[in-house]
Amino acid sequence: NGIAAAVWAVAVGWAGYLFGQAFQLLLGEVEDMQIKVLGALAAA
């Protein structure tokens, strides 16, 4: 379970990080929009 939890945390954590990178490339440097999306994700 420890091995699996470590692999899962790294894989899904990096997926979220890469999602953020892809989102930034898609929308450019729209800082206000990023904060709103982050807020919407937190609210969801």
ModelCIF file with pLDDT and N, C-alpha, C, O atoms, coordinates in Angstrom:
data_MODEL
#
_entry.id   MODEL 
#
_entity.id                         1 
_entity.type                       polymer 
_entity.pdbx_number_of_molecules   1 
#
_entity_poly.entity_id                      1 
_entity_poly.type                           'polypeptide(L)' 
_entity_poly.nstd_linkage                   no 
_entity_poly.nstd_monomer                   no 
_entity_poly.pdbx_seq_one_letter_code       NGIAAAVWAVAVGWAGYLFGQAFQLLLGEVEDMQIKVLGALAAA 
_entity_poly.pdbx_seq_one_letter_code_can   NGIAAAVWAVAVGWAGYLFGQAFQLLLGEVEDMQIKVLGALAAA 
_entity_poly.pdbx_strand_id                 A 
#
loop_
_entity_poly_seq.entity_id 
_entity_poly_seq.num 
_entity_poly_seq.mon_id 
_entity_poly_seq.hetero 
1 1  ASN n 
1 2  GLY n 
1 3  ILE n 
1 4  ALA n 
1 5  ALA n 
1 6  ALA n 
1 7  VAL n 
1 8  TRP n 
1 9  ALA n 
1 10 VAL n 
1 11 ALA n 
1 12 VAL n 
1 13 GLY n 
1 14 TRP n 
1 15 ALA n 
1 16 GLY n 
1 17 TYR n 
1 18 LEU n 
1 19 PHE n 
1 20 GLY n 
1 21 GLN n 
1 22 ALA n 
1 23 PHE n 
1 24 GLN n 
1 25 LEU n 
1 26 LEU n 
1 27 LEU n 
1 28 GLY n 
1 29 GLU n 
1 30 VAL n 
1 31 GLU n 
1 32 ASP n 
1 33 MET n 
1 34 GLN n 
1 35 ILE n 
1 36 LYS n 
1 37 VAL n 
1 38 LEU n 
1 39 GLY n 
1 40 ALA n 
1 41 LEU n 
1 42 ALA n 
1 43 ALA n 
1 44 ALA n 
#
_struct_asym.id          A 
_struct_asym.entity_id   1 
#
loop_
_ma_qa_metric.id 
_ma_qa_metric.mode 
_ma_qa_metric.name 
_ma_qa_metric.software_group_id 
_ma_qa_metric.type 
1 global pLDDT . pLDDT 
2 local  pLDDT . pLDDT 
#
_ma_qa_metric_global.metric_id      1 
_ma_qa_metric_global.metric_value   75.80 
_ma_qa_metric_global.model_id       1 
_ma_qa_metric_global.ordinal_id     1 
#
loop_
_ma_qa_metric_local.label_asym_id 
_ma_qa_metric_local.label_comp_id 
_ma_qa_metric_local.label_seq_id 
_ma_qa_metric_local.metric_id 
_ma_qa_metric_local.metric_value 
_ma_qa_metric_local.model_id 
_ma_qa_metric_local.ordinal_id 
A ASN 1  2 95.00 1 1  
A GLY 2  2 95.00 1 2  
A ILE 3  2 96.00 1 3  
A ALA 4  2 94.00 1 4  
A ALA 5  2 94.00 1 5  
A ALA 6  2 95.00 1 6  
A VAL 7  2 95.00 1 7  
A TRP 8  2 92.00 1 8  
A ALA 9  2 93.00 1 9  
A VAL 10 2 94.00 1 10 
A ALA 11 2 91.00 1 11 
A VAL 12 2 89.00 1 12 
A GLY 13 2 90.00 1 13 
A TRP 14 2 90.00 1 14 
A ALA 15 2 87.00 1 15 
A GLY 16 2 85.00 1 16 
A TYR 17 2 84.00 1 17 
A LEU 18 2 85.00 1 18 
A PHE 19 2 79.00 1 19 
A GLY 20 2 75.00 1 20 
A GLN 21 2 71.00 1 21 
A ALA 22 2 72.00 1 22 
A PHE 23 2 64.00 1 23 
A GLN 24 2 64.00 1 24 
A LEU 25 2 64.00 1 25 
A LEU 26 2 60.00 1 26 
A LEU 27 2 57.00 1 27 
A GLY 28 2 57.00 1 28 
A GLU 29 2 54.00 1 29 
A VAL 30 2 52.00 1 30 
A GLU 31 2 55.00 1 31 
A ASP 32 2 56.00 1 32 
A MET 33 2 60.00 1 33 
A GLN 34 2 60.00 1 34 
A ILE 35 2 61.00 1 35 
A LYS 36 2 67.00 1 36 
A VAL 37 2 67.00 1 37 
A LEU 38 2 66.00 1 38 
A GLY 39 2 69.00 1 39 
A ALA 40 2 72.00 1 40 
A LEU 41 2 70.00 1 41 
A ALA 42 2 71.00 1 42 
A ALA 43 2 72.00 1 43 
A ALA 44 2 76.00 1 44 
#
loop_
_atom_site.group_PDB 
_atom_site.id 
_atom_site.type_symbol 
_atom_site.label_atom_id 
_atom_site.label_alt_id 
_atom_site.label_comp_id 
_atom_site.label_asym_id 
_atom_site.label_entity_id 
_atom_site.label_seq_id 
_atom_site.pdbx_PDB_ins_code 
_atom_site.Cartn_x 
_atom_site.Cartn_y 
_atom_site.Cartn_z 
_atom_site.occupancy 
_atom_site.B_iso_or_equiv 
_atom_site.pdbx_formal_charge 
_atom_site.auth_seq_id 
_atom_site.auth_comp_id 
_atom_site.auth_asym_id 
_atom_site.auth_atom_id 
_atom_site.pdbx_PDB_model_num 
ATOM 1   N N  . ASN A 1 1  ? 0.833   -1.194 0.000   1.00 95.00 ? 1  ASN A N  1 
ATOM 2   C CA . ASN A 1 1  ? 0.000   0.000  0.000   1.00 95.00 ? 1  ASN A CA 1 
ATOM 3   C C  . ASN A 1 1  ? 0.874   1.252  0.000   1.00 95.00 ? 1  ASN A C  1 
ATOM 4   O O  . ASN A 1 1  ? 0.532   2.239  -0.651  1.00 95.00 ? 1  ASN A O  1 
ATOM 5   N N  . GLY A 1 2  ? 1.986   1.227  0.715   1.00 95.00 ? 2  GLY A N  1 
ATOM 6   C CA . GLY A 1 2  ? 2.908   2.362  0.714   1.00 95.00 ? 2  GLY A CA 1 
ATOM 7   C C  . GLY A 1 2  ? 3.504   2.607  -0.660  1.00 95.00 ? 2  GLY A C  1 
ATOM 8   O O  . GLY A 1 2  ? 3.601   3.750  -1.108  1.00 95.00 ? 2  GLY A O  1 
ATOM 9   N N  . ILE A 1 3  ? 3.902   1.540  -1.325  1.00 96.00 ? 3  ILE A N  1 
ATOM 10  C CA . ILE A 1 3  ? 4.455   1.673  -2.681  1.00 96.00 ? 3  ILE A CA 1 
ATOM 11  C C  . ILE A 1 3  ? 3.396   2.246  -3.620  1.00 96.00 ? 3  ILE A C  1 
ATOM 12  O O  . ILE A 1 3  ? 3.668   3.171  -4.385  1.00 96.00 ? 3  ILE A O  1 
ATOM 13  N N  . ALA A 1 4  ? 2.195   1.690  -3.554  1.00 94.00 ? 4  ALA A N  1 
ATOM 14  C CA . ALA A 1 4  ? 1.117   2.148  -4.438  1.00 94.00 ? 4  ALA A CA 1 
ATOM 15  C C  . ALA A 1 4  ? 0.725   3.593  -4.148  1.00 94.00 ? 4  ALA A C  1 
ATOM 16  O O  . ALA A 1 4  ? 0.469   4.362  -5.075  1.00 94.00 ? 4  ALA A O  1 
ATOM 17  N N  . ALA A 1 5  ? 0.677   3.968  -2.875  1.00 94.00 ? 5  ALA A N  1 
ATOM 18  C CA . ALA A 1 5  ? 0.324   5.351  -2.520  1.00 94.00 ? 5  ALA A CA 1 
ATOM 19  C C  . ALA A 1 5  ? 1.371   6.326  -3.046  1.00 94.00 ? 5  ALA A C  1 
ATOM 20  O O  . ALA A 1 5  ? 1.029   7.420  -3.495  1.00 94.00 ? 5  ALA A O  1 
ATOM 21  N N  . ALA A 1 6  ? 2.638   5.941  -2.993  1.00 95.00 ? 6  ALA A N  1 
ATOM 22  C CA . ALA A 1 6  ? 3.697   6.810  -3.498  1.00 95.00 ? 6  ALA A CA 1 
ATOM 23  C C  . ALA A 1 6  ? 3.599   6.979  -5.016  1.00 95.00 ? 6  ALA A C  1 
ATOM 24  O O  . ALA A 1 6  ? 3.696   8.095  -5.527  1.00 95.00 ? 6  ALA A O  1 
ATOM 25  N N  . VAL A 1 7  ? 3.410   5.884  -5.726  1.00 95.00 ? 7  VAL A N  1 
ATOM 26  C CA . VAL A 1 7  ? 3.288   5.956  -7.188  1.00 95.00 ? 7  VAL A CA 1 
ATOM 27  C C  . VAL A 1 7  ? 2.074   6.789  -7.577  1.00 95.00 ? 7  VAL A C  1 
ATOM 28  O O  . VAL A 1 7  ? 2.155   7.630  -8.472  1.00 95.00 ? 7  VAL A O  1 
ATOM 29  N N  . TRP A 1 8  ? 0.950   6.559  -6.905  1.00 92.00 ? 8  TRP A N  1 
ATOM 30  C CA . TRP A 1 8  ? -0.286  7.293  -7.186  1.00 92.00 ? 8  TRP A CA 1 
ATOM 31  C C  . TRP A 1 8  ? -0.111  8.789  -6.924  1.00 92.00 ? 8  TRP A C  1 
ATOM 32  O O  . TRP A 1 8  ? -0.511  9.612  -7.748  1.00 92.00 ? 8  TRP A O  1 
ATOM 33  N N  . ALA A 1 9  ? 0.476   9.142  -5.795  1.00 93.00 ? 9  ALA A N  1 
ATOM 34  C CA . ALA A 1 9  ? 0.646   10.559 -5.448  1.00 93.00 ? 9  ALA A CA 1 
ATOM 35  C C  . ALA A 1 9  ? 1.532   11.270 -6.474  1.00 93.00 ? 9  ALA A C  1 
ATOM 36  O O  . ALA A 1 9  ? 1.231   12.392 -6.883  1.00 93.00 ? 9  ALA A O  1 
ATOM 37  N N  . VAL A 1 10 ? 2.605   10.629 -6.882  1.00 94.00 ? 10 VAL A N  1 
ATOM 38  C CA . VAL A 1 10 ? 3.498   11.231 -7.865  1.00 94.00 ? 10 VAL A CA 1 
ATOM 39  C C  . VAL A 1 10 ? 2.785   11.360 -9.221  1.00 94.00 ? 10 VAL A C  1 
ATOM 40  O O  . VAL A 1 10 ? 2.816   12.425 -9.839  1.00 94.00 ? 10 VAL A O  1 
ATOM 41  N N  . ALA A 1 11 ? 2.149   10.286 -9.676  1.00 91.00 ? 11 ALA A N  1 
ATOM 42  C CA . ALA A 1 11 ? 1.509   10.289 -10.999 1.00 91.00 ? 11 ALA A CA 1 
ATOM 43  C C  . ALA A 1 11 ? 0.368   11.299 -11.084 1.00 91.00 ? 11 ALA A C  1 
ATOM 44  O O  . ALA A 1 11 ? 0.312   12.087 -12.028 1.00 91.00 ? 11 ALA A O  1 
ATOM 45  N N  . VAL A 1 12 ? -0.527  11.284 -10.127 1.00 89.00 ? 12 VAL A N  1 
ATOM 46  C CA . VAL A 1 12 ? -1.692  12.175 -10.189 1.00 89.00 ? 12 VAL A CA 1 
ATOM 47  C C  . VAL A 1 12 ? -1.300  13.610 -9.850  1.00 89.00 ? 12 VAL A C  1 
ATOM 48  O O  . VAL A 1 12 ? -1.856  14.554 -10.412 1.00 89.00 ? 12 VAL A O  1 
ATOM 49  N N  . GLY A 1 13 ? -0.351  13.781 -8.940  1.00 90.00 ? 13 GLY A N  1 
ATOM 50  C CA . GLY A 1 13 ? 0.140   15.128 -8.635  1.00 90.00 ? 13 GLY A CA 1 
ATOM 51  C C  . GLY A 1 13 ? 0.777   15.780 -9.851  1.00 90.00 ? 13 GLY A C  1 
ATOM 52  O O  . GLY A 1 13 ? 0.517   16.944 -10.155 1.00 90.00 ? 13 GLY A O  1 
ATOM 53  N N  . TRP A 1 14 ? 1.617   15.013 -10.547 1.00 90.00 ? 14 TRP A N  1 
ATOM 54  C CA . TRP A 1 14 ? 2.235   15.532 -11.766 1.00 90.00 ? 14 TRP A CA 1 
ATOM 55  C C  . TRP A 1 14 ? 1.186   15.779 -12.843 1.00 90.00 ? 14 TRP A C  1 
ATOM 56  O O  . TRP A 1 14 ? 1.306   16.736 -13.609 1.00 90.00 ? 14 TRP A O  1 
ATOM 57  N N  . ALA A 1 15 ? 0.164   14.938 -12.915 1.00 87.00 ? 15 ALA A N  1 
ATOM 58  C CA . ALA A 1 15 ? -0.907  15.163 -13.900 1.00 87.00 ? 15 ALA A CA 1 
ATOM 59  C C  . ALA A 1 15 ? -1.575  16.510 -13.655 1.00 87.00 ? 15 ALA A C  1 
ATOM 60  O O  . ALA A 1 15 ? -1.839  17.250 -14.603 1.00 87.00 ? 15 ALA A O  1 
ATOM 61  N N  . GLY A 1 16 ? -1.852  16.837 -12.394 1.00 85.00 ? 16 GLY A N  1 
ATOM 62  C CA . GLY A 1 16 ? -2.424  18.138 -12.073 1.00 85.00 ? 16 GLY A CA 1 
ATOM 63  C C  . GLY A 1 16 ? -1.482  19.272 -12.429 1.00 85.00 ? 16 GLY A C  1 
ATOM 64  O O  . GLY A 1 16 ? -1.907  20.311 -12.934 1.00 85.00 ? 16 GLY A O  1 
ATOM 65  N N  . TYR A 1 17 ? -0.205  19.068 -12.164 1.00 84.00 ? 17 TYR A N  1 
ATOM 66  C CA . TYR A 1 17 ? 0.793   20.080 -12.491 1.00 84.00 ? 17 TYR A CA 1 
ATOM 67  C C  . TYR A 1 17 ? 0.842   20.302 -14.007 1.00 84.00 ? 17 TYR A C  1 
ATOM 68  O O  . TYR A 1 17 ? 0.865   21.442 -14.470 1.00 84.00 ? 17 TYR A O  1 
ATOM 69  N N  . LEU A 1 18 ? 0.857   19.214 -14.769 1.00 85.00 ? 18 LEU A N  1 
ATOM 70  C CA . LEU A 1 18 ? 0.891   19.316 -16.231 1.00 85.00 ? 18 LEU A CA 1 
ATOM 71  C C  . LEU A 1 18 ? -0.404  19.899 -16.776 1.00 85.00 ? 18 LEU A C  1 
ATOM 72  O O  . LEU A 1 18 ? -0.391  20.602 -17.786 1.00 85.00 ? 18 LEU A O  1 
ATOM 73  N N  . PHE A 1 19 ? -1.529  19.610 -16.111 1.00 79.00 ? 19 PHE A N  1 
ATOM 74  C CA . PHE A 1 19 ? -2.801  20.230 -16.484 1.00 79.00 ? 19 PHE A CA 1 
ATOM 75  C C  . PHE A 1 19 ? -2.688  21.744 -16.346 1.00 79.00 ? 19 PHE A C  1 
ATOM 76  O O  . PHE A 1 19 ? -3.156  22.487 -17.209 1.00 79.00 ? 19 PHE A O  1 
ATOM 77  N N  . GLY A 1 20 ? -2.073  22.194 -15.270 1.00 75.00 ? 20 GLY A N  1 
ATOM 78  C CA . GLY A 1 20 ? -1.865  23.628 -15.070 1.00 75.00 ? 20 GLY A CA 1 
ATOM 79  C C  . GLY A 1 20 ? -0.994  24.213 -16.158 1.00 75.00 ? 20 GLY A C  1 
ATOM 80  O O  . GLY A 1 20 ? -1.248  25.321 -16.630 1.00 75.00 ? 20 GLY A O  1 
ATOM 81  N N  . GLN A 1 21 ? 0.034   23.478 -16.561 1.00 71.00 ? 21 GLN A N  1 
ATOM 82  C CA . GLN A 1 21 ? 0.923   23.944 -17.613 1.00 71.00 ? 21 GLN A CA 1 
ATOM 83  C C  . GLN A 1 21 ? 0.175   24.023 -18.942 1.00 71.00 ? 21 GLN A C  1 
ATOM 84  O O  . GLN A 1 21 ? 0.305   25.006 -19.671 1.00 71.00 ? 21 GLN A O  1 
ATOM 85  N N  . ALA A 1 22 ? -0.605  22.995 -19.255 1.00 72.00 ? 22 ALA A N  1 
ATOM 86  C CA . ALA A 1 22 ? -1.383  22.995 -20.505 1.00 72.00 ? 22 ALA A CA 1 
ATOM 87  C C  . ALA A 1 22 ? -2.407  24.118 -20.490 1.00 72.00 ? 22 ALA A C  1 
ATOM 88  O O  . ALA A 1 22 ? -2.616  24.789 -21.501 1.00 72.00 ? 22 ALA A O  1 
ATOM 89  N N  . PHE A 1 23 ? -3.039  24.321 -19.353 1.00 64.00 ? 23 PHE A N  1 
ATOM 90  C CA . PHE A 1 23 ? -4.028  25.393 -19.220 1.00 64.00 ? 23 PHE A CA 1 
ATOM 91  C C  . PHE A 1 23 ? -3.367  26.748 -19.465 1.00 64.00 ? 23 PHE A C  1 
ATOM 92  O O  . PHE A 1 23 ? -3.934  27.609 -20.138 1.00 64.00 ? 23 PHE A O  1 
ATOM 93  N N  . GLN A 1 24 ? -2.182  26.930 -18.924 1.00 64.00 ? 24 GLN A N  1 
ATOM 94  C CA . GLN A 1 24 ? -1.466  28.195 -19.098 1.00 64.00 ? 24 GLN A CA 1 
ATOM 95  C C  . GLN A 1 24 ? -1.089  28.398 -20.567 1.00 64.00 ? 24 GLN A C  1 
ATOM 96  O O  . GLN A 1 24 ? -1.200  29.510 -21.084 1.00 64.00 ? 24 GLN A O  1 
ATOM 97  N N  . LEU A 1 25 ? -0.653  27.355 -21.230 1.00 64.00 ? 25 LEU A N  1 
ATOM 98  C CA . LEU A 1 25 ? -0.314  27.471 -22.652 1.00 64.00 ? 25 LEU A CA 1 
ATOM 99  C C  . LEU A 1 25 ? -1.542  27.807 -23.484 1.00 64.00 ? 25 LEU A C  1 
ATOM 100 O O  . LEU A 1 25 ? -1.472  28.573 -24.445 1.00 64.00 ? 25 LEU A O  1 
ATOM 101 N N  . LEU A 1 26 ? -2.669  27.220 -23.093 1.00 60.00 ? 26 LEU A N  1 
ATOM 102 C CA . LEU A 1 26 ? -3.911  27.449 -23.820 1.00 60.00 ? 26 LEU A CA 1 
ATOM 103 C C  . LEU A 1 26 ? -4.383  28.890 -23.689 1.00 60.00 ? 26 LEU A C  1 
ATOM 104 O O  . LEU A 1 26 ? -4.782  29.511 -24.674 1.00 60.00 ? 26 LEU A O  1 
ATOM 105 N N  . LEU A 1 27 ? -4.337  29.407 -22.496 1.00 57.00 ? 27 LEU A N  1 
ATOM 106 C CA . LEU A 1 27 ? -4.878  30.743 -22.245 1.00 57.00 ? 27 LEU A CA 1 
ATOM 107 C C  . LEU A 1 27 ? -3.823  31.833 -22.189 1.00 57.00 ? 27 LEU A C  1 
ATOM 108 O O  . LEU A 1 27 ? -4.163  33.015 -22.137 1.00 57.00 ? 27 LEU A O  1 
ATOM 109 N N  . GLY A 1 28 ? -2.564  31.466 -22.197 1.00 57.00 ? 28 GLY A N  1 
ATOM 110 C CA . GLY A 1 28 ? -1.521  32.466 -22.090 1.00 57.00 ? 28 GLY A CA 1 
ATOM 111 C C  . GLY A 1 28 ? -1.345  32.902 -20.653 1.00 57.00 ? 28 GLY A C  1 
ATOM 112 O O  . GLY A 1 28 ? -1.667  32.158 -19.728 1.00 57.00 ? 28 GLY A O  1 
ATOM 113 N N  . GLU A 1 29 ? -0.849  34.071 -20.470 1.00 54.00 ? 29 GLU A N  1 
ATOM 114 C CA . GLU A 1 29 ? -0.532  34.600 -19.140 1.00 54.00 ? 29 GLU A CA 1 
ATOM 115 C C  . GLU A 1 29 ? -1.696  35.385 -18.549 1.00 54.00 ? 29 GLU A C  1 
ATOM 116 O O  . GLU A 1 29 ? -1.516  36.536 -18.152 1.00 54.00 ? 29 GLU A O  1 
ATOM 117 N N  . VAL A 1 30 ? -2.849  34.811 -18.481 1.00 52.00 ? 30 VAL A N  1 
ATOM 118 C CA . VAL A 1 30 ? -4.032  35.482 -17.955 1.00 52.00 ? 30 VAL A CA 1 
ATOM 119 C C  . VAL A 1 30 ? -4.145  35.142 -16.465 1.00 52.00 ? 30 VAL A C  1 
ATOM 120 O O  . VAL A 1 30 ? -4.883  34.234 -16.084 1.00 52.00 ? 30 VAL A O  1 
ATOM 121 N N  . GLU A 1 31 ? -3.414  35.874 -15.636 1.00 55.00 ? 31 GLU A N  1 
ATOM 122 C CA . GLU A 1 31 ? -3.321  35.578 -14.202 1.00 55.00 ? 31 GLU A CA 1 
ATOM 123 C C  . GLU A 1 31 ? -4.680  35.609 -13.519 1.00 55.00 ? 31 GLU A C  1 
ATOM 124 O O  . GLU A 1 31 ? -4.990  34.720 -12.725 1.00 55.00 ? 31 GLU A O  1 
ATOM 125 N N  . ASP A 1 32 ? -5.496  36.617 -13.814 1.00 56.00 ? 32 ASP A N  1 
ATOM 126 C CA . ASP A 1 32 ? -6.801  36.736 -13.170 1.00 56.00 ? 32 ASP A CA 1 
ATOM 127 C C  . ASP A 1 32 ? -7.684  35.537 -13.501 1.00 56.00 ? 32 ASP A C  1 
ATOM 128 O O  . ASP A 1 32 ? -8.393  35.029 -12.632 1.00 56.00 ? 32 ASP A O  1 
ATOM 129 N N  . MET A 1 33 ? -7.645  35.086 -14.741 1.00 60.00 ? 33 MET A N  1 
ATOM 130 C CA . MET A 1 33 ? -8.450  33.945 -15.164 1.00 60.00 ? 33 MET A CA 1 
ATOM 131 C C  . MET A 1 33 ? -7.983  32.674 -14.449 1.00 60.00 ? 33 MET A C  1 
ATOM 132 O O  . MET A 1 33 ? -8.813  31.846 -14.071 1.00 60.00 ? 33 MET A O  1 
ATOM 133 N N  . GLN A 1 34 ? -6.685  32.505 -14.260 1.00 60.00 ? 34 GLN A N  1 
ATOM 134 C CA . GLN A 1 34 ? -6.167  31.331 -13.584 1.00 60.00 ? 34 GLN A CA 1 
ATOM 135 C C  . GLN A 1 34 ? -6.664  31.264 -12.148 1.00 60.00 ? 34 GLN A C  1 
ATOM 136 O O  . GLN A 1 34 ? -7.054  30.201 -11.665 1.00 60.00 ? 34 GLN A O  1 
ATOM 137 N N  . ILE A 1 35 ? -6.646  32.405 -11.470 1.00 61.00 ? 35 ILE A N  1 
ATOM 138 C CA . ILE A 1 35 ? -7.123  32.440 -10.088 1.00 61.00 ? 35 ILE A CA 1 
ATOM 139 C C  . ILE A 1 35 ? -8.604  32.100 -10.041 1.00 61.00 ? 35 ILE A C  1 
ATOM 140 O O  . ILE A 1 35 ? -9.048  31.392 -9.137  1.00 61.00 ? 35 ILE A O  1 
ATOM 141 N N  . LYS A 1 36 ? -9.370  32.591 -10.998 1.00 67.00 ? 36 LYS A N  1 
ATOM 142 C CA . LYS A 1 36 ? -10.805 32.285 -11.034 1.00 67.00 ? 36 LYS A CA 1 
ATOM 143 C C  . LYS A 1 36 ? -11.042 30.790 -11.279 1.00 67.00 ? 36 LYS A C  1 
ATOM 144 O O  . LYS A 1 36 ? -11.907 30.181 -10.648 1.00 67.00 ? 36 LYS A O  1 
ATOM 145 N N  . VAL A 1 37 ? -10.279 30.215 -12.185 1.00 67.00 ? 37 VAL A N  1 
ATOM 146 C CA . VAL A 1 37 ? -10.424 28.783 -12.454 1.00 67.00 ? 37 VAL A CA 1 
ATOM 147 C C  . VAL A 1 37 ? -10.025 27.981 -11.218 1.00 67.00 ? 37 VAL A C  1 
ATOM 148 O O  . VAL A 1 37 ? -10.691 27.006 -10.870 1.00 67.00 ? 37 VAL A O  1 
ATOM 149 N N  . LEU A 1 38 ? -8.949  28.383 -10.556 1.00 66.00 ? 38 LEU A N  1 
ATOM 150 C CA . LEU A 1 38 ? -8.522  27.721 -9.332  1.00 66.00 ? 38 LEU A CA 1 
ATOM 151 C C  . LEU A 1 38 ? -9.615  27.813 -8.271  1.00 66.00 ? 38 LEU A C  1 
ATOM 152 O O  . LEU A 1 38 ? -9.895  26.842 -7.568  1.00 66.00 ? 38 LEU A O  1 
ATOM 153 N N  . GLY A 1 39 ? -10.220 28.979 -8.166  1.00 69.00 ? 39 GLY A N  1 
ATOM 154 C CA . GLY A 1 39 ? -11.325 29.165 -7.220  1.00 69.00 ? 39 GLY A CA 1 
ATOM 155 C C  . GLY A 1 39 ? -12.524 28.313 -7.589  1.00 69.00 ? 39 GLY A C  1 
ATOM 156 O O  . GLY A 1 39 ? -13.162 27.726 -6.714  1.00 69.00 ? 39 GLY A O  1 
ATOM 157 N N  . ALA A 1 40 ? -12.837 28.239 -8.875  1.00 72.00 ? 40 ALA A N  1 
ATOM 158 C CA . ALA A 1 40 ? -13.958 27.410 -9.329  1.00 72.00 ? 40 ALA A CA 1 
ATOM 159 C C  . ALA A 1 40 ? -13.696 25.934 -9.047  1.00 72.00 ? 40 ALA A C  1 
ATOM 160 O O  . ALA A 1 40 ? -14.602 25.208 -8.638  1.00 72.00 ? 40 ALA A O  1 
ATOM 161 N N  . LEU A 1 41 ? -12.449 25.487 -9.267  1.00 70.00 ? 41 LEU A N  1 
ATOM 162 C CA . LEU A 1 41 ? -12.102 24.099 -8.947  1.00 70.00 ? 41 LEU A CA 1 
ATOM 163 C C  . LEU A 1 41 ? -12.251 23.819 -7.454  1.00 70.00 ? 41 LEU A C  1 
ATOM 164 O O  . LEU A 1 41 ? -12.777 22.781 -7.054  1.00 70.00 ? 41 LEU A O  1 
ATOM 165 N N  . ALA A 1 42 ? -11.783 24.757 -6.640  1.00 71.00 ? 42 ALA A N  1 
ATOM 166 C CA . ALA A 1 42 ? -11.901 24.590 -5.187  1.00 71.00 ? 42 ALA A CA 1 
ATOM 167 C C  . ALA A 1 42 ? -13.368 24.544 -4.777  1.00 71.00 ? 42 ALA A C  1 
ATOM 168 O O  . ALA A 1 42 ? -13.755 23.720 -3.948  1.00 71.00 ? 42 ALA A O  1 
ATOM 169 N N  . ALA A 1 43 ? -14.181 25.416 -5.349  1.00 72.00 ? 43 ALA A N  1 
ATOM 170 C CA . ALA A 1 43 ? -15.613 25.433 -5.033  1.00 72.00 ? 43 ALA A CA 1 
ATOM 171 C C  . ALA A 1 43 ? -16.287 24.139 -5.489  1.00 72.00 ? 43 ALA A C  1 
ATOM 172 O O  . ALA A 1 43 ? -17.149 23.606 -4.790  1.00 72.00 ? 43 ALA A O  1 
ATOM 173 N N  . ALA A 1 44 ? -15.894 23.634 -6.665  1.00 76.00 ? 44 ALA A N  1 
ATOM 174 C CA . ALA A 1 44 ? -16.474 22.387 -7.167  1.00 76.00 ? 44 ALA A CA 1 
ATOM 175 C C  . ALA A 1 44 ? -16.116 21.212 -6.272  1.00 76.00 ? 44 ALA A C  1 
ATOM 176 O O  . ALA A 1 44 ? -16.522 20.082 -6.544  1.00 76.00 ? 44 ALA A O  1 
#
